[in-house]
């Protein structure tokens, strides 16, 4: 084969690979802004204790209104977090919107566990919650409970690795970054 033929074939292969990569990226799910896992929902695989160490940021400026925020608020409630005015972070604060009460309660949580107290839920803060609170009470490897200092909350990880939690009405909610169905 001539040198020109080899170069033409190589160029055609490169164009084909670039086209395939572009198509693959365009069909992937929307990811969370500031995410580490690249997925649009709170995800886990393998052992559950390190599941949340690669989650997206939650703050007053990133993923502010989402079911992932709602899951985080449930964690704060379960831990007995304190708001700015000294009152407990309560069930009424679980609305899926990362506002000032959630930011203050997050700083409380971060200080409690010796983390940087910036009010942003990043991989270290979310990861600490996963290591500390996720429990497998049945021994079958399935996550069924987040155990907080004050309350337990039911969480599940489905067969695709997606975390679900239950809202105040007992409805299962997928902990996604790009929508809010909890209130």
Protein backbone atom coordinates (compact mmCIF):
# COMPACT_ATOMS: atom_id res chain seq x y z
CA UNK A 1 0.00 0.00 0.00
CA UNK A 2 1.31 3.44 -0.87
CA UNK A 3 2.12 6.08 1.71
CA UNK A 4 -0.81 8.18 0.46
CA UNK A 5 -3.21 5.21 0.88
CA UNK A 6 -2.03 4.60 4.47
CA UNK A 7 -2.49 8.26 5.36
CA UNK A 8 -5.97 8.35 3.81
CA UNK A 9 -6.99 5.20 5.72
CA UNK A 10 -5.57 6.61 8.99
CA UNK A 11 -7.41 9.90 8.47
CA UNK A 12 -10.67 8.06 7.78
CA UNK A 13 -10.22 6.01 10.98
CA UNK A 14 -9.56 9.17 12.99
CA UNK A 15 -12.71 10.83 11.62
CA UNK A 16 -14.72 7.70 12.40
CA UNK A 17 -13.44 7.57 16.00
CA UNK A 18 -14.14 11.25 16.52
CA UNK A 19 -17.68 10.84 15.19
CA UNK A 20 -18.32 7.81 17.44
CA UNK A 21 -17.00 9.67 20.49
CA UNK A 22 -19.19 12.69 19.74
CA UNK A 23 -22.28 10.51 19.38
CA UNK A 24 -21.50 8.67 22.62
CA UNK A 25 -21.16 11.93 24.54
CA UNK A 26 -24.36 13.35 23.10
CA UNK A 27 -26.40 10.36 24.33
CA UNK A 28 -25.08 10.34 27.91
CA UNK A 29 -27.41 11.56 30.68
CA UNK A 30 -27.19 15.11 31.88
CA UNK A 31 -24.67 15.35 34.67
CA UNK A 32 -24.83 17.42 37.80
CA UNK A 33 -23.10 20.76 37.85
CA UNK A 34 -19.90 20.29 39.88
CA UNK A 35 -20.30 16.54 39.99
CA UNK A 36 -17.49 14.10 40.57
CA UNK A 37 -19.19 10.90 39.43
CA UNK A 38 -20.51 12.47 36.24
CA UNK A 39 -23.99 11.08 36.87
CA UNK A 40 -27.23 12.97 37.28
CA UNK A 41 -28.12 11.20 40.53
CA UNK A 42 -26.53 10.10 43.80
CA UNK A 43 -24.81 6.84 42.90
CA UNK A 44 -23.11 3.89 44.55
CA UNK A 45 -21.57 0.54 43.67
CA UNK A 46 -19.81 -2.25 45.51
CA UNK A 47 -19.58 -1.72 49.26
CA UNK A 48 -21.87 1.06 50.37
CA UNK A 49 -19.64 2.80 52.91
CA UNK A 50 -17.78 4.87 50.32
CA UNK A 51 -20.69 5.47 47.95
CA UNK A 52 -21.12 9.18 48.56
CA UNK A 53 -17.44 10.19 48.33
CA UNK A 54 -17.74 11.10 44.64
CA UNK A 55 -20.95 13.10 44.58
CA UNK A 56 -21.62 16.50 43.08
CA UNK A 57 -21.52 19.77 44.97
CA UNK A 58 -24.60 21.13 46.71
CA UNK A 59 -24.70 24.75 47.85
CA UNK A 60 -26.59 28.02 47.61
CA UNK A 61 -25.08 28.41 44.13
CA UNK A 62 -24.79 24.86 42.71
CA UNK A 63 -27.51 22.19 42.46
CA UNK A 64 -29.55 24.46 44.69
CA UNK A 65 -32.95 22.97 43.93
CA UNK A 66 -32.88 19.19 43.60
CA UNK A 67 -33.73 15.84 45.10
CA UNK A 68 -30.02 15.40 45.92
CA UNK A 69 -30.37 18.51 48.10
CA UNK A 70 -33.49 16.97 49.65
CA UNK A 71 -31.51 13.82 50.53
CA UNK A 72 -28.79 15.98 52.10
CA UNK A 73 -31.40 17.87 54.13
CA UNK A 74 -32.73 14.54 55.40
CA UNK A 75 -29.18 13.68 56.51
CA UNK A 76 -28.92 17.01 58.36
CA UNK A 77 -32.26 16.36 60.06
CA UNK A 78 -31.22 12.82 61.01
CA UNK A 79 -27.97 14.15 62.51
CA UNK A 80 -29.76 16.79 64.60
CA UNK A 81 -28.14 19.76 62.88
CA UNK A 82 -28.62 23.25 64.28
CA UNK A 83 -29.75 26.33 62.32
CA UNK A 84 -28.35 29.84 62.62
CA UNK A 85 -30.88 30.88 65.25
CA UNK A 86 -29.96 27.88 67.41
CA UNK A 87 -33.08 25.87 66.63
CA UNK A 88 -32.91 22.33 65.31
CA UNK A 89 -32.97 21.70 61.57
CA UNK A 90 -36.40 20.08 61.41
CA UNK A 91 -38.62 18.21 58.97
CA UNK A 92 -40.12 21.52 57.72
CA UNK A 93 -36.65 22.45 56.43
CA UNK A 94 -36.60 19.44 54.08
CA UNK A 95 -37.83 21.02 50.86
CA UNK A 96 -35.08 20.32 48.30
CA UNK A 97 -33.94 23.96 48.19
CA UNK A 98 -30.42 24.71 49.48
CA UNK A 99 -31.03 27.99 51.31
CA UNK A 100 -29.45 29.75 54.28
CA UNK A 101 -30.84 27.27 56.86
CA UNK A 102 -29.36 24.36 54.93
CA UNK A 103 -26.06 26.21 54.54
CA UNK A 104 -25.87 26.93 58.28
CA UNK A 105 -26.83 23.35 59.18
CA UNK A 106 -24.19 22.08 56.72
CA UNK A 107 -21.54 24.21 58.45
CA UNK A 108 -22.66 22.68 61.76
CA UNK A 109 -22.28 19.18 60.28
CA UNK A 110 -18.85 20.01 58.85
CA UNK A 111 -17.61 21.41 62.18
CA UNK A 112 -18.95 18.33 64.00
CA UNK A 113 -16.82 16.04 61.81
CA UNK A 114 -13.72 18.26 61.56
CA UNK A 115 -14.27 19.19 57.90
CA UNK A 116 -13.74 22.56 56.27
CA UNK A 117 -16.77 24.52 57.46
CA UNK A 118 -17.73 26.35 54.26
CA UNK A 119 -21.40 25.35 53.95
CA UNK A 120 -20.78 23.58 50.62
CA UNK A 121 -21.55 19.88 50.39
CA UNK A 122 -18.67 18.53 48.31
CA UNK A 123 -17.09 15.11 48.06
CA UNK A 124 -15.55 15.27 51.56
CA UNK A 125 -18.79 16.30 53.28
CA UNK A 126 -21.02 13.94 51.32
CA UNK A 127 -18.37 11.24 51.70
CA UNK A 128 -18.29 11.65 55.48
CA UNK A 129 -22.05 11.13 55.60
CA UNK A 130 -21.71 7.95 53.56
CA UNK A 131 -18.95 6.52 55.74
CA UNK A 132 -20.60 7.51 59.01
CA UNK A 133 -24.30 6.99 58.42
CA UNK A 134 -25.02 4.35 55.78
CA UNK A 135 -25.80 0.99 57.34
CA UNK A 136 -26.68 -2.49 56.13
CA UNK A 137 -28.89 -3.99 58.80
CA UNK A 138 -29.77 -7.14 56.89
CA UNK A 139 -26.23 -8.22 56.09
CA UNK A 140 -27.01 -8.71 52.39
CA UNK A 141 -25.03 -5.68 51.18
CA UNK A 142 -28.13 -3.59 50.50
CA UNK A 143 -28.27 -0.15 52.02
CA UNK A 144 -31.49 0.31 53.90
CA UNK A 145 -30.87 3.01 56.47
CA UNK A 146 -28.94 6.18 57.10
CA UNK A 147 -28.30 6.19 60.83
CA UNK A 148 -28.05 9.71 62.25
CA UNK A 149 -27.42 10.80 65.82
CA UNK A 150 -31.10 11.70 66.31
CA UNK A 151 -33.06 9.82 63.66
CA UNK A 152 -32.77 7.08 61.08
CA UNK A 153 -33.95 7.60 57.51
CA UNK A 154 -34.76 4.93 54.97
CA UNK A 155 -32.63 4.98 51.84
CA UNK A 156 -32.18 2.37 49.16
CA UNK A 157 -29.74 1.77 46.34
CA UNK A 158 -31.44 0.23 43.33
CA UNK A 159 -29.98 -2.33 40.90
CA UNK A 160 -28.55 0.51 38.79
CA UNK A 161 -26.74 2.01 41.79
CA UNK A 162 -29.10 4.98 42.16
CA UNK A 163 -30.00 6.16 45.65
CA UNK A 164 -33.61 6.67 46.64
CA UNK A 165 -35.05 8.14 49.82
CA UNK A 166 -38.54 8.47 51.16
CA UNK A 167 -40.31 11.82 51.51
CA UNK A 168 -42.56 12.79 54.40
CA UNK A 169 -45.55 11.15 52.72
CA UNK A 170 -43.73 7.82 52.32
CA UNK A 171 -43.10 8.21 48.57
CA UNK A 172 -39.79 6.92 47.18
CA UNK A 173 -37.77 9.67 45.47
CA UNK A 174 -34.72 9.27 43.26
CA UNK A 175 -31.89 11.47 44.62
CA UNK A 176 -31.19 13.32 41.37
CA UNK A 177 -29.41 16.60 40.77
CA UNK A 178 -31.44 17.95 37.86
CA UNK A 179 -34.98 18.00 39.27
CA UNK A 180 -36.90 18.47 42.50
CA UNK A 181 -39.97 16.38 43.30
CA UNK A 182 -39.70 16.50 47.08
CA UNK A 183 -41.27 19.27 49.10
